[in-house]
Structure formats: structure tokens, C-alpha cells
All heavy atoms as atom14 arrays in JSON, in Angstrom:
{
  "sequence": "KKLGAVVTIYSARSHARNIVDRFLMGYEMHGRRHMPNFNLIAMYCDQ",
  "atom14_mask": [
    [1, 1, 1, 1, 1, 1, 1, 1, 1, 0, 0, 0, 0, 0],
    [1, 1, 1, 1, 1, 1, 1, 1, 1, 0, 0, 0, 0, 0],
    [1, 1, 1, 1, 1, 1, 1, 1, 0, 0, 0, 0, 0, 0],
    [1, 1, 1, 1, 0, 0, 0, 0, 0, 0, 0, 0, 0, 0],
    [1, 1, 1, 1, 1, 0, 0, 0, 0, 0, 0, 0, 0, 0],
    [1, 1, 1, 1, 1, 1, 1, 0, 0, 0, 0, 0, 0, 0],
    [1, 1, 1, 1, 1, 1, 1, 0, 0, 0, 0, 0, 0, 0],
    [1, 1, 1, 1, 1, 1, 1, 0, 0, 0, 0, 0, 0, 0],
    [1, 1, 1, 1, 1, 1, 1, 1, 0, 0, 0, 0, 0, 0],
    [1, 1, 1, 1, 1, 1, 1, 1, 1, 1, 1, 1, 0, 0],
    [1, 1, 1, 1, 1, 1, 0, 0, 0, 0, 0, 0, 0, 0],
    [1, 1, 1, 1, 1, 0, 0, 0, 0, 0, 0, 0, 0, 0],
    [1, 1, 1, 1, 1, 1, 1, 1, 1, 1, 1, 0, 0, 0],
    [1, 1, 1, 1, 1, 1, 0, 0, 0, 0, 0, 0, 0, 0],
    [1, 1, 1, 1, 1, 1, 1, 1, 1, 1, 0, 0, 0, 0],
    [1, 1, 1, 1, 1, 0, 0, 0, 0, 0, 0, 0, 0, 0],
    [1, 1, 1, 1, 1, 1, 1, 1, 1, 1, 1, 0, 0, 0],
    [1, 1, 1, 1, 1, 1, 1, 1, 0, 0, 0, 0, 0, 0],
    [1, 1, 1, 1, 1, 1, 1, 1, 0, 0, 0, 0, 0, 0],
    [1, 1, 1, 1, 1, 1, 1, 0, 0, 0, 0, 0, 0, 0],
    [1, 1, 1, 1, 1, 1, 1, 1, 0, 0, 0, 0, 0, 0],
    [1, 1, 1, 1, 1, 1, 1, 1, 1, 1, 1, 0, 0, 0],
    [1, 1, 1, 1, 1, 1, 1, 1, 1, 1, 1, 0, 0, 0],
    [1, 1, 1, 1, 1, 1, 1, 1, 0, 0, 0, 0, 0, 0],
    [1, 1, 1, 1, 1, 1, 1, 1, 0, 0, 0, 0, 0, 0],
    [1, 1, 1, 1, 0, 0, 0, 0, 0, 0, 0, 0, 0, 0],
    [1, 1, 1, 1, 1, 1, 1, 1, 1, 1, 1, 1, 0, 0],
    [1, 1, 1, 1, 1, 1, 1, 1, 1, 0, 0, 0, 0, 0],
    [1, 1, 1, 1, 1, 1, 1, 1, 0, 0, 0, 0, 0, 0],
    [1, 1, 1, 1, 1, 1, 1, 1, 1, 1, 0, 0, 0, 0],
    [1, 1, 1, 1, 0, 0, 0, 0, 0, 0, 0, 0, 0, 0],
    [1, 1, 1, 1, 1, 1, 1, 1, 1, 1, 1, 0, 0, 0],
    [1, 1, 1, 1, 1, 1, 1, 1, 1, 1, 1, 0, 0, 0],
    [1, 1, 1, 1, 1, 1, 1, 1, 1, 1, 0, 0, 0, 0],
    [1, 1, 1, 1, 1, 1, 1, 1, 0, 0, 0, 0, 0, 0],
    [1, 1, 1, 1, 1, 1, 1, 0, 0, 0, 0, 0, 0, 0],
    [1, 1, 1, 1, 1, 1, 1, 1, 0, 0, 0, 0, 0, 0],
    [1, 1, 1, 1, 1, 1, 1, 1, 1, 1, 1, 0, 0, 0],
    [1, 1, 1, 1, 1, 1, 1, 1, 0, 0, 0, 0, 0, 0],
    [1, 1, 1, 1, 1, 1, 1, 1, 0, 0, 0, 0, 0, 0],
    [1, 1, 1, 1, 1, 1, 1, 1, 0, 0, 0, 0, 0, 0],
    [1, 1, 1, 1, 1, 0, 0, 0, 0, 0, 0, 0, 0, 0],
    [1, 1, 1, 1, 1, 1, 1, 1, 0, 0, 0, 0, 0, 0],
    [1, 1, 1, 1, 1, 1, 1, 1, 1, 1, 1, 1, 0, 0],
    [1, 1, 1, 1, 1, 1, 0, 0, 0, 0, 0, 0, 0, 0],
    [1, 1, 1, 1, 1, 1, 1, 1, 0, 0, 0, 0, 0, 0],
    [1, 1, 1, 1, 1, 1, 1, 1, 1, 0, 0, 0, 0, 0]
  ],
  "atom14_positions": [
    [[0.78, -1.17, 0.01], [-0.04, 0.0, -0.05], [0.87, 1.17, 0.0], [2.0, 1.26, 0.49], [-0.9, 0.0, 1.19], [-2.01, -1.08, 1.22], [-2.9, -1.05, 2.37], [-3.87, -2.12, 2.45], [-4.94, -1.78, 1.42], [0.0, 0.0, 0.0], [0.0, 0.0, 0.0], [0.0, 0.0, 0.0], [0.0, 0.0, 0.0], [0.0, 0.0, 0.0]],
    [[0.33, 2.29, -0.61], [1.12, 3.61, -0.66], [0.65, 4.47, 0.53], [-0.59, 4.57, 0.83], [0.79, 4.34, -1.97], [1.29, 3.45, -3.2], [0.87, 4.21, -4.51], [1.45, 3.33, -5.7], [1.07, 4.04, -6.99], [0.0, 0.0, 0.0], [0.0, 0.0, 0.0], [0.0, 0.0, 0.0], [0.0, 0.0, 0.0], [0.0, 0.0, 0.0]],
    [[1.71, 5.07, 1.08], [1.39, 5.85, 2.37], [1.86, 7.26, 2.21], [2.92, 7.6, 1.42], [2.3, 5.13, 3.49], [2.18, 5.79, 4.97], [0.79, 5.64, 5.37], [3.24, 5.18, 5.82], [0.0, 0.0, 0.0], [0.0, 0.0, 0.0], [0.0, 0.0, 0.0], [0.0, 0.0, 0.0], [0.0, 0.0, 0.0], [0.0, 0.0, 0.0]],
    [[1.06, 8.2, 2.74], [1.43, 9.64, 2.7], [1.6, 10.08, 4.22], [0.97, 9.56, 5.07], [0.0, 0.0, 0.0], [0.0, 0.0, 0.0], [0.0, 0.0, 0.0], [0.0, 0.0, 0.0], [0.0, 0.0, 0.0], [0.0, 0.0, 0.0], [0.0, 0.0, 0.0], [0.0, 0.0, 0.0], [0.0, 0.0, 0.0], [0.0, 0.0, 0.0]],
    [[2.48, 11.02, 4.43], [2.78, 11.52, 5.78], [2.77, 13.09, 5.84], [3.26, 13.68, 4.86], [4.17, 11.15, 6.2], [0.0, 0.0, 0.0], [0.0, 0.0, 0.0], [0.0, 0.0, 0.0], [0.0, 0.0, 0.0], [0.0, 0.0, 0.0], [0.0, 0.0, 0.0], [0.0, 0.0, 0.0], [0.0, 0.0, 0.0], [0.0, 0.0, 0.0]],
    [[2.02, 13.49, 6.8], [1.94, 15.0, 6.92], [2.45, 15.17, 8.47], [1.85, 14.74, 9.44], [0.32, 15.45, 6.9], [0.26, 16.94, 7.27], [-0.17, 15.05, 5.46], [0.0, 0.0, 0.0], [0.0, 0.0, 0.0], [0.0, 0.0, 0.0], [0.0, 0.0, 0.0], [0.0, 0.0, 0.0], [0.0, 0.0, 0.0], [0.0, 0.0, 0.0]],
    [[3.56, 15.89, 8.59], [4.12, 16.06, 9.81], [4.48, 17.49, 10.1], [4.83, 18.27, 9.19], [5.51, 15.25, 9.88], [5.17, 13.77, 9.63], [6.6, 15.71, 9.0], [0.0, 0.0, 0.0], [0.0, 0.0, 0.0], [0.0, 0.0, 0.0], [0.0, 0.0, 0.0], [0.0, 0.0, 0.0], [0.0, 0.0, 0.0], [0.0, 0.0, 0.0]],
    [[4.57, 17.81, 11.33], [4.95, 19.16, 11.74], [6.55, 19.42, 11.63], [7.01, 20.41, 11.11], [4.64, 19.59, 13.18], [4.97, 18.53, 14.02], [3.18, 19.76, 13.3], [0.0, 0.0, 0.0], [0.0, 0.0, 0.0], [0.0, 0.0, 0.0], [0.0, 0.0, 0.0], [0.0, 0.0, 0.0], [0.0, 0.0, 0.0], [0.0, 0.0, 0.0]],
    [[7.25, 18.38, 12.08], [8.67, 18.44, 11.96], [9.25, 16.94, 11.99], [8.55, 16.15, 12.57], [9.23, 19.17, 13.11], [10.75, 19.53, 12.9], [9.12, 18.44, 14.53], [11.24, 20.77, 13.83], [0.0, 0.0, 0.0], [0.0, 0.0, 0.0], [0.0, 0.0, 0.0], [0.0, 0.0, 0.0], [0.0, 0.0, 0.0], [0.0, 0.0, 0.0]],
    [[10.33, 16.7, 11.39], [10.83, 15.34, 11.19], [12.32, 15.48, 11.71], [13.15, 15.5, 10.91], [10.79, 14.93, 9.76], [10.98, 13.31, 9.54], [10.64, 12.81, 8.21], [11.36, 12.51, 10.62], [10.73, 11.36, 8.03], [11.47, 11.03, 10.39], [11.2, 10.58, 8.96], [11.42, 9.21, 8.81], [0.0, 0.0, 0.0], [0.0, 0.0, 0.0]],
    [[12.51, 15.46, 13.05], [13.92, 15.54, 13.59], [14.3, 14.39, 14.32], [13.48, 13.44, 14.61], [13.89, 16.86, 14.46], [12.96, 16.74, 15.45], [0.0, 0.0, 0.0], [0.0, 0.0, 0.0], [0.0, 0.0, 0.0], [0.0, 0.0, 0.0], [0.0, 0.0, 0.0], [0.0, 0.0, 0.0], [0.0, 0.0, 0.0], [0.0, 0.0, 0.0]],
    [[15.41, 14.44, 14.91], [16.02, 13.29, 15.52], [15.23, 12.94, 16.8], [15.15, 11.63, 17.04], [17.46, 13.55, 15.93], [0.0, 0.0, 0.0], [0.0, 0.0, 0.0], [0.0, 0.0, 0.0], [0.0, 0.0, 0.0], [0.0, 0.0, 0.0], [0.0, 0.0, 0.0], [0.0, 0.0, 0.0], [0.0, 0.0, 0.0], [0.0, 0.0, 0.0]],
    [[14.66, 13.74, 17.54], [13.83, 13.34, 18.61], [12.38, 13.76, 18.64], [11.82, 14.25, 19.47], [14.54, 14.14, 19.87], [15.98, 13.48, 20.15], [16.62, 14.3, 21.48], [15.93, 14.02, 22.62], [16.08, 12.9, 23.41], [16.92, 12.0, 22.97], [15.53, 12.81, 24.5], [0.0, 0.0, 0.0], [0.0, 0.0, 0.0], [0.0, 0.0, 0.0]],
    [[11.79, 13.47, 17.37], [10.31, 13.75, 17.19], [9.54, 12.6, 17.17], [10.05, 11.48, 16.85], [10.35, 14.6, 16.01], [10.61, 13.79, 14.87], [0.0, 0.0, 0.0], [0.0, 0.0, 0.0], [0.0, 0.0, 0.0], [0.0, 0.0, 0.0], [0.0, 0.0, 0.0], [0.0, 0.0, 0.0], [0.0, 0.0, 0.0], [0.0, 0.0, 0.0]],
    [[8.23, 12.73, 17.32], [7.31, 11.59, 17.17], [7.28, 11.14, 15.7], [7.05, 10.02, 15.38], [5.93, 12.01, 17.6], [5.6, 11.86, 19.0], [4.45, 11.61, 19.58], [6.51, 11.78, 20.02], [4.48, 11.45, 20.82], [5.74, 11.57, 21.24], [0.0, 0.0, 0.0], [0.0, 0.0, 0.0], [0.0, 0.0, 0.0], [0.0, 0.0, 0.0]],
    [[7.51, 12.12, 14.61], [7.7, 11.74, 13.45], [8.68, 10.73, 13.08], [8.35, 9.65, 12.39], [7.92, 13.03, 12.48], [0.0, 0.0, 0.0], [0.0, 0.0, 0.0], [0.0, 0.0, 0.0], [0.0, 0.0, 0.0], [0.0, 0.0, 0.0], [0.0, 0.0, 0.0], [0.0, 0.0, 0.0], [0.0, 0.0, 0.0], [0.0, 0.0, 0.0]],
    [[9.88, 10.81, 13.7], [10.87, 9.88, 13.54], [10.46, 8.54, 14.24], [10.57, 7.48, 13.62], [12.18, 10.31, 14.16], [13.22, 9.31, 13.92], [14.55, 9.53, 14.6], [15.6, 8.58, 14.26], [16.71, 8.48, 14.63], [17.27, 9.43, 15.48], [17.59, 7.54, 14.25], [0.0, 0.0, 0.0], [0.0, 0.0, 0.0], [0.0, 0.0, 0.0]],
    [[9.81, 8.63, 15.41], [9.5, 7.46, 15.97], [8.34, 6.6, 15.27], [8.32, 5.36, 15.46], [9.03, 7.72, 17.56], [10.14, 7.97, 18.41], [11.21, 7.34, 18.23], [10.0, 8.86, 19.44], [0.0, 0.0, 0.0], [0.0, 0.0, 0.0], [0.0, 0.0, 0.0], [0.0, 0.0, 0.0], [0.0, 0.0, 0.0], [0.0, 0.0, 0.0]],
    [[7.54, 7.31, 14.59], [6.42, 6.66, 13.86], [6.73, 6.4, 12.4], [6.71, 5.23, 12.01], [5.22, 7.42, 14.05], [4.7, 7.59, 15.46], [3.99, 6.83, 13.14], [3.58, 8.5, 15.71], [0.0, 0.0, 0.0], [0.0, 0.0, 0.0], [0.0, 0.0, 0.0], [0.0, 0.0, 0.0], [0.0, 0.0, 0.0], [0.0, 0.0, 0.0]],
    [[7.18, 7.45, 11.63], [7.52, 7.3, 10.26], [8.63, 6.33, 9.96], [8.59, 5.61, 9.12], [7.71, 8.7, 9.6], [7.98, 8.44, 8.05], [6.48, 9.48, 9.73], [0.0, 0.0, 0.0], [0.0, 0.0, 0.0], [0.0, 0.0, 0.0], [0.0, 0.0, 0.0], [0.0, 0.0, 0.0], [0.0, 0.0, 0.0], [0.0, 0.0, 0.0]],
    [[9.63, 6.4, 10.8], [10.88, 5.58, 10.69], [10.42, 4.12, 10.78], [11.11, 3.28, 10.01], [11.9, 5.9, 11.65], [12.96, 6.91, 11.35], [12.71, 7.6, 10.22], [13.94, 7.11, 11.91], [0.0, 0.0, 0.0], [0.0, 0.0, 0.0], [0.0, 0.0, 0.0], [0.0, 0.0, 0.0], [0.0, 0.0, 0.0], [0.0, 0.0, 0.0]],
    [[9.53, 3.83, 11.6], [9.19, 2.33, 11.73], [8.43, 1.9, 10.45], [8.5, 0.76, 10.09], [8.29, 2.26, 12.95], [9.09, 2.25, 14.21], [8.31, 2.3, 15.55], [9.14, 1.83, 16.64], [10.01, 2.6, 17.22], [10.21, 3.85, 16.99], [10.66, 2.09, 18.33], [0.0, 0.0, 0.0], [0.0, 0.0, 0.0], [0.0, 0.0, 0.0]],
    [[7.8, 2.71, 9.68], [7.2, 2.31, 8.42], [8.16, 2.17, 7.41], [8.09, 1.39, 6.53], [6.13, 3.36, 8.06], [4.77, 3.1, 8.69], [4.33, 3.77, 9.91], [3.79, 2.22, 8.1], [3.06, 3.57, 10.34], [2.64, 1.91, 8.71], [2.2, 2.57, 9.87], [0.0, 0.0, 0.0], [0.0, 0.0, 0.0], [0.0, 0.0, 0.0]],
    [[9.24, 3.04, 7.5], [10.26, 3.0, 6.53], [11.31, 1.74, 6.75], [11.8, 1.14, 5.79], [11.2, 4.3, 6.59], [10.48, 5.6, 6.08], [11.47, 6.7, 6.3], [10.07, 5.36, 4.58], [0.0, 0.0, 0.0], [0.0, 0.0, 0.0], [0.0, 0.0, 0.0], [0.0, 0.0, 0.0], [0.0, 0.0, 0.0], [0.0, 0.0, 0.0]],
    [[11.67, 1.58, 8.07], [12.83, 0.55, 8.37], [12.25, -0.67, 9.12], [13.01, -1.58, 9.31], [13.58, 1.24, 9.22], [14.21, 2.53, 8.77], [15.41, 3.44, 9.97], [15.68, 4.93, 9.05], [0.0, 0.0, 0.0], [0.0, 0.0, 0.0], [0.0, 0.0, 0.0], [0.0, 0.0, 0.0], [0.0, 0.0, 0.0], [0.0, 0.0, 0.0]],
    [[11.03, -0.73, 9.55], [10.55, -1.88, 10.28], [10.76, -1.81, 11.73], [11.31, -0.77, 12.24], [0.0, 0.0, 0.0], [0.0, 0.0, 0.0], [0.0, 0.0, 0.0], [0.0, 0.0, 0.0], [0.0, 0.0, 0.0], [0.0, 0.0, 0.0], [0.0, 0.0, 0.0], [0.0, 0.0, 0.0], [0.0, 0.0, 0.0], [0.0, 0.0, 0.0]],
    [[10.31, -2.74, 12.53], [10.51, -2.77, 13.94], [10.32, -4.12, 14.54], [9.84, -4.98, 13.84], [9.44, -1.78, 14.58], [7.98, -2.09, 14.23], [7.25, -2.88, 15.04], [7.45, -1.59, 13.02], [5.83, -3.27, 14.65], [6.12, -1.86, 12.65], [5.31, -2.69, 13.48], [4.13, -3.0, 12.96], [0.0, 0.0, 0.0], [0.0, 0.0, 0.0]],
    [[10.77, -4.25, 15.76], [10.76, -5.53, 16.43], [9.58, -5.85, 17.02], [8.88, -4.99, 17.8], [11.87, -5.64, 17.45], [13.28, -5.58, 16.93], [13.78, -6.78, 16.19], [13.22, -7.79, 16.47], [14.63, -6.64, 15.28], [0.0, 0.0, 0.0], [0.0, 0.0, 0.0], [0.0, 0.0, 0.0], [0.0, 0.0, 0.0], [0.0, 0.0, 0.0]],
    [[8.95, -7.09, 16.76], [7.62, -7.55, 17.45], [7.81, -8.89, 17.7], [8.1, -9.68, 16.76], [6.49, -7.22, 16.56], [5.95, -5.81, 16.53], [5.58, -5.04, 18.21], [3.99, -5.9, 18.44], [0.0, 0.0, 0.0], [0.0, 0.0, 0.0], [0.0, 0.0, 0.0], [0.0, 0.0, 0.0], [0.0, 0.0, 0.0], [0.0, 0.0, 0.0]],
    [[7.55, -9.44, 18.9], [7.63, -10.83, 19.31], [8.88, -11.49, 18.98], [9.0, -12.56, 18.43], [6.35, -11.55, 18.68], [5.1, -10.84, 18.99], [4.66, -10.64, 20.14], [4.19, -10.26, 18.0], [3.44, -10.06, 20.08], [3.21, -9.85, 18.81], [0.0, 0.0, 0.0], [0.0, 0.0, 0.0], [0.0, 0.0, 0.0], [0.0, 0.0, 0.0]],
    [[10.0, -10.69, 19.09], [11.37, -11.3, 18.87], [11.66, -11.4, 17.52], [12.77, -11.96, 17.08], [0.0, 0.0, 0.0], [0.0, 0.0, 0.0], [0.0, 0.0, 0.0], [0.0, 0.0, 0.0], [0.0, 0.0, 0.0], [0.0, 0.0, 0.0], [0.0, 0.0, 0.0], [0.0, 0.0, 0.0], [0.0, 0.0, 0.0], [0.0, 0.0, 0.0]],
    [[10.88, -10.83, 16.61], [11.26, -10.86, 15.12], [11.11, -9.39, 14.47], [10.46, -8.67, 15.02], [10.43, -11.86, 14.31], [10.39, -13.17, 14.79], [9.95, -14.27, 13.81], [8.64, -13.89, 13.23], [8.06, -14.55, 12.36], [8.61, -15.49, 11.74], [6.79, -14.12, 11.84], [0.0, 0.0, 0.0], [0.0, 0.0, 0.0], [0.0, 0.0, 0.0]],
    [[11.89, -9.16, 13.52], [11.66, -7.78, 12.84], [10.57, -8.0, 11.77], [10.56, -8.83, 10.98], [13.02, -7.55, 12.1], [13.07, -6.06, 11.73], [14.41, -5.5, 11.78], [14.44, -4.03, 11.53], [14.37, -3.15, 12.52], [14.36, -3.58, 13.83], [14.34, -1.82, 12.26], [0.0, 0.0, 0.0], [0.0, 0.0, 0.0], [0.0, 0.0, 0.0]],
    [[9.71, -6.97, 11.9], [8.48, -6.89, 11.08], [8.67, -5.57, 10.11], [9.03, -4.49, 10.58], [7.24, -6.66, 11.91], [6.1, -6.37, 11.11], [5.4, -7.25, 10.36], [5.33, -5.18, 11.03], [4.53, -6.71, 9.72], [4.29, -5.48, 10.2], [0.0, 0.0, 0.0], [0.0, 0.0, 0.0], [0.0, 0.0, 0.0], [0.0, 0.0, 0.0]],
    [[8.4, -5.8, 8.88], [8.46, -4.79, 7.85], [7.09, -4.45, 7.39], [6.36, -5.28, 6.77], [9.41, -5.14, 6.7], [9.53, -4.02, 5.76], [10.51, -2.63, 6.47], [12.11, -3.38, 6.51], [0.0, 0.0, 0.0], [0.0, 0.0, 0.0], [0.0, 0.0, 0.0], [0.0, 0.0, 0.0], [0.0, 0.0, 0.0], [0.0, 0.0, 0.0]],
    [[6.47, -3.25, 7.76], [5.21, -2.92, 7.35], [5.01, -3.06, 5.8], [5.86, -2.79, 5.03], [5.01, -1.53, 7.83], [5.82, -1.42, 8.92], [7.07, -2.25, 8.52], [0.0, 0.0, 0.0], [0.0, 0.0, 0.0], [0.0, 0.0, 0.0], [0.0, 0.0, 0.0], [0.0, 0.0, 0.0], [0.0, 0.0, 0.0], [0.0, 0.0, 0.0]],
    [[3.84, -3.43, 5.43], [3.48, -3.68, 3.98], [3.11, -2.29, 3.36], [1.91, -2.17, 2.68], [2.41, -4.73, 3.8], [2.17, -5.2, 2.33], [3.24, -5.28, 1.64], [1.0, -5.2, 1.94], [0.0, 0.0, 0.0], [0.0, 0.0, 0.0], [0.0, 0.0, 0.0], [0.0, 0.0, 0.0], [0.0, 0.0, 0.0], [0.0, 0.0, 0.0]],
    [[3.89, -1.3, 3.63], [3.49, 0.17, 3.11], [4.7, 0.83, 2.57], [5.92, 0.54, 2.93], [2.99, 0.93, 4.32], [1.6, 0.64, 4.78], [1.52, -0.39, 5.76], [0.47, 1.24, 4.22], [0.18, -0.79, 6.12], [-0.75, 0.76, 4.64], [-0.89, -0.17, 5.62], [0.0, 0.0, 0.0], [0.0, 0.0, 0.0], [0.0, 0.0, 0.0]],
    [[4.57, 1.52, 1.6], [5.6, 2.24, 0.86], [5.35, 3.72, 0.94], [4.37, 4.23, 0.43], [5.73, 1.73, -0.54], [6.87, 2.58, -1.25], [7.93, 2.95, -0.65], [6.82, 2.67, -2.61], [0.0, 0.0, 0.0], [0.0, 0.0, 0.0], [0.0, 0.0, 0.0], [0.0, 0.0, 0.0], [0.0, 0.0, 0.0], [0.0, 0.0, 0.0]],
    [[6.1, 4.51, 1.74], [5.88, 5.84, 1.86], [6.33, 6.6, 0.53], [7.46, 6.44, 0.15], [6.68, 6.45, 3.02], [6.69, 8.03, 3.34], [5.28, 8.4, 3.82], [7.69, 8.41, 4.21], [0.0, 0.0, 0.0], [0.0, 0.0, 0.0], [0.0, 0.0, 0.0], [0.0, 0.0, 0.0], [0.0, 0.0, 0.0], [0.0, 0.0, 0.0]],
    [[5.28, 7.26, -0.14], [5.66, 7.87, -1.41], [5.69, 9.39, -1.27], [6.32, 10.02, -2.24], [4.66, 7.45, -2.53], [3.31, 8.0, -2.08], [4.71, 5.9, -2.58], [2.34, 7.79, -3.45], [0.0, 0.0, 0.0], [0.0, 0.0, 0.0], [0.0, 0.0, 0.0], [0.0, 0.0, 0.0], [0.0, 0.0, 0.0], [0.0, 0.0, 0.0]],
    [[5.1, 10.02, -0.32], [4.98, 11.42, -0.32], [4.82, 11.94, 1.16], [4.46, 11.3, 1.98], [3.72, 11.88, -1.07], [0.0, 0.0, 0.0], [0.0, 0.0, 0.0], [0.0, 0.0, 0.0], [0.0, 0.0, 0.0], [0.0, 0.0, 0.0], [0.0, 0.0, 0.0], [0.0, 0.0, 0.0], [0.0, 0.0, 0.0], [0.0, 0.0, 0.0]],
    [[5.41, 13.18, 1.34], [5.42, 13.87, 2.63], [5.25, 15.33, 2.54], [5.69, 15.91, 1.59], [6.7, 13.57, 3.39], [6.88, 14.25, 4.75], [8.36, 13.78, 5.67], [8.05, 12.09, 6.21], [0.0, 0.0, 0.0], [0.0, 0.0, 0.0], [0.0, 0.0, 0.0], [0.0, 0.0, 0.0], [0.0, 0.0, 0.0], [0.0, 0.0, 0.0]],
    [[4.42, 15.77, 3.44], [4.48, 17.35, 3.77], [5.06, 17.53, 5.18], [4.62, 16.92, 6.15], [3.1, 17.89, 3.65], [3.03, 19.32, 4.18], [3.47, 20.38, 3.36], [2.7, 19.69, 5.44], [3.53, 21.7, 3.66], [2.73, 21.0, 5.97], [3.06, 21.94, 5.1], [3.2, 23.29, 5.58], [0.0, 0.0, 0.0], [0.0, 0.0, 0.0]],
    [[6.18, 18.38, 5.15], [6.89, 18.59, 6.49], [6.92, 20.05, 6.62], [7.4, 20.88, 5.83], [8.33, 18.1, 6.35], [9.2, 18.2, 7.93], [0.0, 0.0, 0.0], [0.0, 0.0, 0.0], [0.0, 0.0, 0.0], [0.0, 0.0, 0.0], [0.0, 0.0, 0.0], [0.0, 0.0, 0.0], [0.0, 0.0, 0.0], [0.0, 0.0, 0.0]],
    [[6.16, 20.58, 7.84], [5.88, 22.02, 7.93], [7.1, 22.74, 8.38], [7.19, 23.94, 7.84], [4.74, 22.09, 9.05], [4.16, 23.56, 9.03], [3.76, 23.97, 8.0], [4.03, 24.09, 10.07], [0.0, 0.0, 0.0], [0.0, 0.0, 0.0], [0.0, 0.0, 0.0], [0.0, 0.0, 0.0], [0.0, 0.0, 0.0], [0.0, 0.0, 0.0]],
    [[7.95, 22.23, 9.11], [9.17, 23.0, 9.62], [10.45, 22.14, 9.44], [10.43, 20.92, 9.51], [8.99, 23.3, 11.07], [7.8, 24.26, 11.43], [7.74, 24.68, 12.79], [8.42, 24.15, 13.61], [6.9, 25.57, 13.09], [0.0, 0.0, 0.0], [0.0, 0.0, 0.0], [0.0, 0.0, 0.0], [0.0, 0.0, 0.0], [0.0, 0.0, 0.0]]
  ]
}
């Protein structure tokens, strides 16, 4: 699926990193790495 992101800021210590990065890079669940079935294609970043 194609994913769009609308964020206020995408910095090192932001919620955008904590959420969007996991869609881009995957995350650990139940001892295994899971890669979401989504492809981020577009973003609006306010700051």
C-alpha cells in the first residue's frame, strides 16, 4: 500500500521519527523484525 505522511517536523527526537521511521525501516515485534507492507511515497513537512 502507498502511504502519505503529514508532519510538523521530522527531527532526531520527534514523534515523526518514532512513527514514520518504523514504516520505513521496520520494527521488532515478538522477537522478530517486522516490515510494514507500506511504501511511503509522499510527505508534507511543515518545519
